[in-house]
Amino acid sequence: MSTPPTWQKSSFSHADGECVELAAVGGAIRLRESDDPDTVITTAPRPLRTLIRAIKAGEFDHFGA
């Protein structure tokens, strides 16, 4: 039986949920929304790094407009 992943929340998370949780599993990164923990997306570290840099640079800000 495998060990369940250790999920980590961002320090920016709200107490009432609405946060993304991450877990490292065998070289992959798993992401889930705390309000829907059964839905998990798996990616590799490099694409996730690229996504985070793009978000920080504001490349997706126009989607919220």
PDB file of N, CA and C in Angstrom:
ATOM      1  N   MET A   1       0.842  -1.184   0.000  1.00  0.00           N
ATOM      2  CA  MET A   1       0.000   0.000   0.000  1.00  0.00           C
ATOM      3  C   MET A   1       0.881   1.240   0.000  1.00  0.00           C
ATOM      4  N   SER A   2       0.566   2.217  -0.848  1.00  0.00           N
ATOM      5  CA  SER A   2       1.393   3.412  -0.934  1.00  0.00           C
ATOM      6  C   SER A   2       0.971   4.447   0.111  1.00  0.00           C
ATOM      7  N   THR A   3       1.913   5.287   0.459  1.00  0.00           N
ATOM      8  CA  THR A   3       1.667   6.354   1.419  1.00  0.00           C
ATOM      9  C   THR A   3       0.898   7.475   0.749  1.00  0.00           C
ATOM     10  N   PRO A   4      -0.151   7.993   1.381  1.00  0.00           N
ATOM     11  CA  PRO A   4      -0.883   9.112   0.768  1.00  0.00           C
ATOM     12  C   PRO A   4       0.012  10.358   0.696  1.00  0.00           C
ATOM     13  N   PRO A   5      -0.213  11.207  -0.305  1.00  0.00           N
ATOM     14  CA  PRO A   5       0.622  12.396  -0.430  1.00  0.00           C
ATOM     15  C   PRO A   5       0.429  13.362   0.740  1.00  0.00           C
ATOM     16  N   THR A   6       1.473  14.122   1.027  1.00  0.00           N
ATOM     17  CA  THR A   6       1.396  15.169   2.039  1.00  0.00           C
ATOM     18  C   THR A   6       1.066  16.470   1.323  1.00  0.00           C
ATOM     19  N   TRP A   7      -0.140  16.971   1.516  1.00  0.00           N
ATOM     20  CA  TRP A   7      -0.613  18.172   0.841  1.00  0.00           C
ATOM     21  C   TRP A   7      -0.178  19.410   1.612  1.00  0.00           C
ATOM     22  N   GLN A   8       0.249  20.435   0.866  1.00  0.00           N
ATOM     23  CA  GLN A   8       0.672  21.695   1.467  1.00  0.00           C
ATOM     24  C   GLN A   8      -0.174  22.825   0.901  1.00  0.00           C
ATOM     25  N   LYS A   9      -0.627  23.707   1.784  1.00  0.00           N
ATOM     26  CA  LYS A   9      -1.384  24.884   1.372  1.00  0.00           C
ATOM     27  C   LYS A   9      -0.455  26.088   1.311  1.00  0.00           C
ATOM     28  N   SER A  10      -0.801  27.024   0.485  1.00  0.00           N
ATOM     29  CA  SER A  10      -0.070  28.274   0.402  1.00  0.00           C
ATOM     30  C   SER A  10      -0.234  29.059   1.694  1.00  0.00           C
ATOM     31  N   SER A  11       0.777  29.828   2.041  1.00  0.00           N
ATOM     32  CA  SER A  11       0.672  30.698   3.215  1.00  0.00           C
ATOM     33  C   SER A  11      -0.325  31.825   2.965  1.00  0.00           C
ATOM     34  N   PHE A  12      -0.743  32.011   1.722  1.00  0.00           N
ATOM     35  CA  PHE A  12      -1.730  33.032   1.376  1.00  0.00           C
ATOM     36  C   PHE A  12      -3.158  32.493   1.421  1.00  0.00           C
ATOM     37  N   SER A  13      -3.338  31.256   1.803  1.00  0.00           N
ATOM     38  CA  SER A  13      -4.661  30.630   1.817  1.00  0.00           C
ATOM     39  C   SER A  13      -5.575  31.280   2.844  1.00  0.00           C
ATOM     40  N   HIS A  14      -6.861  31.287   2.520  1.00  0.00           N
ATOM     41  CA  HIS A  14      -7.871  31.789   3.438  1.00  0.00           C
ATOM     42  C   HIS A  14      -8.300  30.660   4.369  1.00  0.00           C
ATOM     43  N   ALA A  15      -8.722  31.017   5.549  1.00  0.00           N
ATOM     44  CA  ALA A  15      -9.172  30.012   6.520  1.00  0.00           C
ATOM     45  C   ALA A  15     -10.442  29.303   6.052  1.00  0.00           C
ATOM     46  N   ASP A  16     -11.238  29.965   5.207  1.00  0.00           N
ATOM     47  CA  ASP A  16     -12.504  29.390   4.751  1.00  0.00           C
ATOM     48  C   ASP A  16     -12.374  28.591   3.459  1.00  0.00           C
ATOM     49  N   GLY A  17     -11.178  28.189   3.110  1.00  0.00           N
ATOM     50  CA  GLY A  17     -10.975  27.402   1.891  1.00  0.00           C
ATOM     51  C   GLY A  17     -10.440  28.252   0.765  1.00  0.00           C
ATOM     52  N   GLU A  18     -10.902  27.986  -0.436  1.00  0.00           N
ATOM     53  CA  GLU A  18     -10.482  28.730  -1.625  1.00  0.00           C
ATOM     54  C   GLU A  18      -8.961  28.743  -1.793  1.00  0.00           C
ATOM     55  N   CYS A  19      -8.348  27.582  -1.678  1.00  0.00           N
ATOM     56  CA  CYS A  19      -6.904  27.557  -1.848  1.00  0.00           C
ATOM     57  C   CYS A  19      -6.474  26.335  -2.659  1.00  0.00           C
ATOM     58  N   VAL A  20      -5.313  26.458  -3.240  1.00  0.00           N
ATOM     59  CA  VAL A  20      -4.708  25.370  -3.989  1.00  0.00           C
ATOM     60  C   VAL A  20      -3.737  24.654  -3.061  1.00  0.00           C
ATOM     61  N   GLU A  21      -3.754  23.329  -3.133  1.00  0.00           N
ATOM     62  CA  GLU A  21      -2.829  22.519  -2.348  1.00  0.00           C
ATOM     63  C   GLU A  21      -1.923  21.760  -3.314  1.00  0.00           C
ATOM     64  N   LEU A  22      -0.659  21.594  -2.924  1.00  0.00           N
ATOM     65  CA  LEU A  22       0.311  20.882  -3.747  1.00  0.00           C
ATOM     66  C   LEU A  22       0.922  19.734  -2.956  1.00  0.00           C
ATOM     67  N   ALA A  23       1.314  18.685  -3.689  1.00  0.00           N
ATOM     68  CA  ALA A  23       2.012  17.545  -3.092  1.00  0.00           C
ATOM     69  C   ALA A  23       3.019  17.015  -4.113  1.00  0.00           C
ATOM     70  N   ALA A  24       4.206  16.687  -3.641  1.00  0.00           N
ATOM     71  CA  ALA A  24       5.227  16.073  -4.486  1.00  0.00           C
ATOM     72  C   ALA A  24       5.097  14.559  -4.353  1.00  0.00           C
ATOM     73  N   VAL A  25       4.976  13.880  -5.496  1.00  0.00           N
ATOM     74  CA  VAL A  25       4.800  12.422  -5.494  1.00  0.00           C
ATOM     75  C   VAL A  25       5.661  11.829  -6.603  1.00  0.00           C
ATOM     76  N   GLY A  26       6.728  11.147  -6.224  1.00  0.00           N
ATOM     77  CA  GLY A  26       7.569  10.463  -7.196  1.00  0.00           C
ATOM     78  C   GLY A  26       8.093  11.331  -8.327  1.00  0.00           C
ATOM     79  N   GLY A  27       8.512  12.543  -8.037  1.00  0.00           N
ATOM     80  CA  GLY A  27       9.045  13.438  -9.061  1.00  0.00           C
ATOM     81  C   GLY A  27       7.991  14.258  -9.778  1.00  0.00           C
ATOM     82  N   ALA A  28       6.720  13.976  -9.534  1.00  0.00           N
ATOM     83  CA  ALA A  28       5.627  14.739 -10.125  1.00  0.00           C
ATOM     84  C   ALA A  28       5.044  15.676  -9.068  1.00  0.00           C
ATOM     85  N   ILE A  29       4.319  16.672  -9.529  1.00  0.00           N
ATOM     86  CA  ILE A  29       3.634  17.599  -8.637  1.00  0.00           C
ATOM     87  C   ILE A  29       2.134  17.414  -8.841  1.00  0.00           C
ATOM     88  N   ARG A  30       1.428  17.235  -7.750  1.00  0.00           N
ATOM     89  CA  ARG A  30      -0.033  17.120  -7.813  1.00  0.00           C
ATOM     90  C   ARG A  30      -0.637  18.400  -7.243  1.00  0.00           C
ATOM     91  N   LEU A  31      -1.705  18.860  -7.884  1.00  0.00           N
ATOM     92  CA  LEU A  31      -2.413  20.060  -7.450  1.00  0.00           C
ATOM     93  C   LEU A  31      -3.885  19.727  -7.263  1.00  0.00           C
ATOM     94  N   ARG A  32      -4.496  20.361  -6.285  1.00  0.00           N
ATOM     95  CA  ARG A  32      -5.931  20.202  -6.087  1.00  0.00           C
ATOM     96  C   ARG A  32      -6.481  21.467  -5.428  1.00  0.00           C
ATOM     97  N   GLU A  33      -7.766  21.671  -5.578  1.00  0.00           N
ATOM     98  CA  GLU A  33      -8.488  22.760  -4.928  1.00  0.00           C
ATOM     99  C   GLU A  33      -9.000  22.217  -3.599  1.00  0.00           C
ATOM    100  N   SER A  34      -8.800  22.960  -2.534  1.00  0.00           N
ATOM    101  CA  SER A  34      -9.191  22.454  -1.216  1.00  0.00           C
ATOM    102  C   SER A  34     -10.686  22.167  -1.115  1.00  0.00           C
ATOM    103  N   ASP A  35     -11.505  22.880  -1.887  1.00  0.00           N
ATOM    104  CA  ASP A  35     -12.945  22.650  -1.857  1.00  0.00           C
ATOM    105  C   ASP A  35     -13.372  21.420  -2.663  1.00  0.00           C
ATOM    106  N   ASP A  36     -12.468  20.862  -3.471  1.00  0.00           N
ATOM    107  CA  ASP A  36     -12.770  19.686  -4.297  1.00  0.00           C
ATOM    108  C   ASP A  36     -11.549  18.756  -4.296  1.00  0.00           C
ATOM    109  N   PRO A  37     -11.211  18.171  -3.143  1.00  0.00           N
ATOM    110  CA  PRO A  37      -9.966  17.418  -3.009  1.00  0.00           C
ATOM    111  C   PRO A  37      -9.872  16.131  -3.825  1.00  0.00           C
ATOM    112  N   ASP A  38     -10.991  15.660  -4.376  1.00  0.00           N
ATOM    113  CA  ASP A  38     -10.947  14.433  -5.172  1.00  0.00           C
ATOM    114  C   ASP A  38     -10.515  14.688  -6.614  1.00  0.00           C
ATOM    115  N   THR A  39     -10.510  15.951  -7.038  1.00  0.00           N
ATOM    116  CA  THR A  39     -10.055  16.303  -8.383  1.00  0.00           C
ATOM    117  C   THR A  39      -8.599  16.741  -8.288  1.00  0.00           C
ATOM    118  N   VAL A  40      -7.706  15.971  -8.914  1.00  0.00           N
ATOM    119  CA  VAL A  40      -6.268  16.216  -8.809  1.00  0.00           C
ATOM    120  C   VAL A  40      -5.667  16.341 -10.204  1.00  0.00           C
ATOM    121  N   ILE A  41      -4.827  17.341 -10.386  1.00  0.00           N
ATOM    122  CA  ILE A  41      -4.082  17.531 -11.634  1.00  0.00           C
ATOM    123  C   ILE A  41      -2.626  17.190 -11.339  1.00  0.00           C
ATOM    124  N   THR A  42      -1.993  16.446 -12.235  1.00  0.00           N
ATOM    125  CA  THR A  42      -0.591  16.073 -12.063  1.00  0.00           C
ATOM    126  C   THR A  42       0.244  16.708 -13.158  1.00  0.00           C
ATOM    127  N   THR A  43       1.381  17.284 -12.768  1.00  0.00           N
ATOM    128  CA  THR A  43       2.293  17.915 -13.714  1.00  0.00           C
ATOM    129  C   THR A  43       3.724  17.661 -13.251  1.00  0.00           C
ATOM    130  N   ALA A  44       4.668  18.141 -14.022  1.00  0.00           N
ATOM    131  CA  ALA A  44       6.080  18.048 -13.665  1.00  0.00           C
ATOM    132  C   ALA A  44       6.529  19.400 -13.102  1.00  0.00           C
ATOM    133  N   PRO A  45       7.621  19.425 -12.368  1.00  0.00           N
ATOM    134  CA  PRO A  45       8.078  20.683 -11.767  1.00  0.00           C
ATOM    135  C   PRO A  45       8.333  21.812 -12.780  1.00  0.00           C
ATOM    136  N   ARG A  46       8.944  21.497 -13.895  1.00  0.00           N
ATOM    137  CA  ARG A  46       9.301  22.546 -14.855  1.00  0.00           C
ATOM    138  C   ARG A  46       8.082  23.274 -15.436  1.00  0.00           C
ATOM    139  N   PRO A  47       7.051  22.573 -15.940  1.00  0.00           N
ATOM    140  CA  PRO A  47       5.869  23.291 -16.430  1.00  0.00           C
ATOM    141  C   PRO A  47       5.164  24.083 -15.328  1.00  0.00           C
ATOM    142  N   LEU A  48       5.152  23.560 -14.109  1.00  0.00           N
ATOM    143  CA  LEU A  48       4.527  24.287 -13.013  1.00  0.00           C
ATOM    144  C   LEU A  48       5.297  25.574 -12.729  1.00  0.00           C
ATOM    145  N   ARG A  49       6.608  25.497 -12.739  1.00  0.00           N
ATOM    146  CA  ARG A  49       7.445  26.694 -12.542  1.00  0.00           C
ATOM    147  C   ARG A  49       7.141  27.744 -13.604  1.00  0.00           C
ATOM    148  N   THR A  50       7.022  27.301 -14.851  1.00  0.00           N
ATOM    149  CA  THR A  50       6.720  28.206 -15.956  1.00  0.00           C
ATOM    150  C   THR A  50       5.359  28.864 -15.753  1.00  0.00           C
ATOM    151  N   LEU A  51       4.365  28.097 -15.339  1.00  0.00           N
ATOM    152  CA  LEU A  51       3.035  28.640 -15.085  1.00  0.00           C
ATOM    153  C   LEU A  51       3.069  29.670 -13.963  1.00  0.00           C
ATOM    154  N   ILE A  52       3.733  29.361 -12.870  1.00  0.00           N
ATOM    155  CA  ILE A  52       3.798  30.288 -11.730  1.00  0.00           C
ATOM    156  C   ILE A  52       4.482  31.589 -12.139  1.00  0.00           C
ATOM    157  N   ARG A  53       5.563  31.501 -12.887  1.00  0.00           N
ATOM    158  CA  ARG A  53       6.246  32.726 -13.363  1.00  0.00           C
ATOM    159  C   ARG A  53       5.327  33.565 -14.241  1.00  0.00           C
ATOM    160  N   ALA A  54       4.566  32.914 -15.111  1.00  0.00           N
ATOM    161  CA  ALA A  54       3.643  33.637 -15.996  1.00  0.00           C
ATOM    162  C   ALA A  54       2.536  34.314 -15.190  1.00  0.00           C
ATOM    163  N   ILE A  55       2.028  33.635 -14.188  1.00  0.00           N
ATOM    164  CA  ILE A  55       0.988  34.225 -13.337  1.00  0.00           C
ATOM    165  C   ILE A  55       1.547  35.446 -12.614  1.00  0.00           C
ATOM    166  N   LYS A  56       2.724  35.307 -12.028  1.00  0.00           N
ATOM    167  CA  LYS A  56       3.342  36.425 -11.313  1.00  0.00           C
ATOM    168  C   LYS A  56       3.632  37.604 -12.240  1.00  0.00           C
ATOM    169  N   ALA A  57       3.932  37.312 -13.495  1.00  0.00           N
ATOM    170  CA  ALA A  57       4.231  38.371 -14.477  1.00  0.00           C
ATOM    171  C   ALA A  57       2.965  39.031 -15.004  1.00  0.00           C
ATOM    172  N   GLY A  58       1.795  38.517 -14.623  1.00  0.00           N
ATOM    173  CA  GLY A  58       0.539  39.127 -15.054  1.00  0.00           C
ATOM    174  C   GLY A  58       0.056  38.696 -16.414  1.00  0.00           C
ATOM    175  N   GLU A  59       0.606  37.622 -16.948  1.00  0.00           N
ATOM    176  CA  GLU A  59       0.247  37.184 -18.302  1.00  0.00           C
ATOM    177  C   GLU A  59      -1.193  36.696 -18.433  1.00  0.00           C
ATOM    178  N   PHE A  60      -1.864  36.434 -17.308  1.00  0.00           N
ATOM    179  CA  PHE A  60      -3.240  35.950 -17.348  1.00  0.00           C
ATOM    180  C   PHE A  60      -4.222  36.943 -16.754  1.00  0.00           C
ATOM    181  N   ASP A  61      -3.764  38.130 -16.431  1.00  0.00           N
ATOM    182  CA  ASP A  61      -4.624  39.126 -15.786  1.00  0.00           C
ATOM    183  C   ASP A  61      -5.835  39.490 -16.626  1.00  0.00           C
ATOM    184  N   HIS A  62      -5.722  39.421 -17.942  1.00  0.00           N
ATOM    185  CA  HIS A  62      -6.835  39.806 -18.815  1.00  0.00           C
ATOM    186  C   HIS A  62      -8.017  38.829 -18.703  1.00  0.00           C
ATOM    187  N   PHE A  63      -7.807  37.626 -18.171  1.00  0.00           N
ATOM    188  CA  PHE A  63      -8.908  36.663 -18.019  1.00  0.00           C
ATOM    189  C   PHE A  63      -9.895  37.098 -16.939  1.00  0.00           C
ATOM    190  N   GLY A  64      -9.444  37.859 -15.977  1.00  0.00           N
ATOM    191  CA  GLY A  64     -10.321  38.310 -14.896  1.00  0.00           C
ATOM    192  C   GLY A  64     -11.081  39.584 -15.232  1.00  0.00           C
ATOM    193  N   ALA A  65     -10.803  40.153 -16.382  1.00  0.00           N
ATOM    194  CA  ALA A  65     -11.436  41.428 -16.748  1.00  0.00           C
ATOM    195  C   ALA A  65     -12.825  41.263 -17.264  1.00  0.00           C
TER     196      ALA A  65
END
